[in-house]
Amino acid sequence: MFSTFKTSHSTEETSLIKNHGVTDALSIMNLDIDKITNPKLISTLAGMDMATSRIKVYRERLSGEKSRIDNDAKTLCHKKEFAEKRLNTLNEKRKYLKS
């Protein structure tokens, strides 16, 4: 039966033909579709897709929060430096006025 099969197929299709004894590519495709349309598999795949999309959203939020915290930290450092410089300036003026 396999020797009369003359069309070229991939190795995966050839193995399916050997396993199922089917020479029609359409019925092979239908076998694959039956595997894909199993409700348990579909719900599992949908759940995996939803989990993956949630992880992507959480990563985006996390990177946004990280950059916001980094910017806040930089701002606080600049404010601290400004406050220290201002305090030094006021102390110098105070010393000058005392003398």
Protein backbone atom coordinates (compact mmCIF):
# COMPACT_ATOMS: atom_id res chain seq x y z
CA MET A 1 0.00 0.00 0.00
CA PHE A 2 2.80 2.41 0.83
CA SER A 3 4.62 1.75 -2.42
CA THR A 4 1.72 3.16 -4.50
CA PHE A 5 1.95 6.44 -2.60
CA LYS A 6 3.70 8.78 -5.07
CA THR A 7 3.24 12.33 -3.72
CA SER A 8 5.97 13.93 -1.65
CA HIS A 9 5.29 14.70 2.00
CA SER A 10 7.29 15.65 5.02
CA THR A 11 8.69 12.98 7.31
CA GLU A 12 5.98 13.75 9.86
CA GLU A 13 3.24 13.12 7.31
CA THR A 14 4.99 9.98 6.12
CA SER A 15 5.11 8.63 9.66
CA LEU A 16 1.40 9.43 10.08
CA ILE A 17 0.66 7.54 6.87
CA LYS A 18 2.62 4.53 8.10
CA ASN A 19 0.93 4.62 11.52
CA HIS A 20 -2.64 5.10 10.32
CA GLY A 21 -2.50 3.44 6.92
CA VAL A 22 -4.03 6.51 5.28
CA THR A 23 -2.90 7.71 1.85
CA ASP A 24 -5.03 10.83 1.74
CA ALA A 25 -3.41 13.98 3.10
CA LEU A 26 -6.82 15.49 3.94
CA SER A 27 -7.67 12.73 6.36
CA ILE A 28 -4.25 13.14 7.94
CA MET A 29 -4.98 16.82 8.41
CA ASN A 30 -8.33 15.90 9.94
CA LEU A 31 -6.57 13.61 12.39
CA ASP A 32 -4.40 16.52 13.46
CA ILE A 33 -7.42 18.82 13.77
CA ASP A 34 -9.13 16.30 16.04
CA LYS A 35 -6.15 16.48 18.34
CA ILE A 36 -6.21 20.26 18.32
CA THR A 37 -9.97 20.64 18.85
CA ASN A 38 -10.06 18.48 21.96
CA PRO A 39 -11.91 20.72 24.47
CA LYS A 40 -9.54 19.83 27.28
CA LEU A 41 -6.54 20.80 25.18
CA ILE A 42 -8.19 24.01 23.99
CA SER A 43 -9.02 25.09 27.53
CA THR A 44 -5.49 24.24 28.64
CA LEU A 45 -3.97 26.19 25.74
CA ALA A 46 -6.27 29.14 26.38
CA GLY A 47 -5.31 29.08 30.03
CA MET A 48 -1.64 29.02 29.09
CA ASP A 49 -2.14 31.95 26.70
CA MET A 50 -3.95 33.93 29.37
CA ALA A 51 -1.24 33.17 31.92
CA THR A 52 1.44 34.18 29.43
CA SER A 53 -0.32 37.45 28.64
CA ARG A 54 -0.73 38.17 32.38
CA ILE A 55 2.97 37.56 32.92
CA LYS A 56 3.79 39.98 30.09
CA VAL A 57 1.50 42.63 31.59
CA TYR A 58 3.03 42.14 35.05
CA ARG A 59 6.53 42.44 33.59
CA GLU A 60 5.57 45.69 31.87
CA ARG A 61 4.07 47.03 35.10
CA LEU A 62 7.13 45.92 37.04
CA SER A 63 9.51 47.65 34.65
CA GLY A 64 7.35 50.79 34.80
CA GLU A 65 7.36 50.77 38.60
CA LYS A 66 11.11 50.09 38.64
CA SER A 67 11.81 53.07 36.39
CA ARG A 68 9.47 55.25 38.49
CA ILE A 69 11.26 54.22 41.69
CA ASP A 70 14.65 54.86 40.05
CA ASN A 71 13.49 58.32 38.97
CA ASP A 72 12.14 59.03 42.47
CA ALA A 73 15.46 57.94 44.00
CA LYS A 74 17.39 60.20 41.62
CA THR A 75 15.07 63.10 42.47
CA LEU A 76 15.58 62.52 46.19
CA CYS A 77 19.36 62.45 45.72
CA HIS A 78 19.22 65.76 43.84
CA LYS A 79 17.02 67.28 46.55
CA LYS A 80 19.41 66.03 49.24
CA GLU A 81 22.41 67.51 47.42
CA PHE A 82 20.55 70.79 46.97
CA ALA A 83 19.58 70.85 50.67
CA GLU A 84 23.17 70.12 51.76
CA LYS A 85 24.54 72.88 49.51
CA ARG A 86 21.91 75.31 50.77
CA LEU A 87 22.72 74.40 54.39
CA ASN A 88 26.44 74.94 53.75
CA THR A 89 25.68 78.31 52.15
CA LEU A 90 23.52 79.37 55.11
CA ASN A 91 26.19 78.25 57.59
CA GLU A 92 28.81 80.28 55.72
CA LYS A 93 26.53 83.35 55.78
CA ARG A 94 25.90 82.80 59.49
CA LYS A 95 29.66 82.63 60.19
CA TYR A 96 30.16 85.76 58.12
CA LEU A 97 27.44 87.65 59.99
CA LYS A 98 28.81 86.58 63.39
CA SER A 99 32.24 87.92 62.59
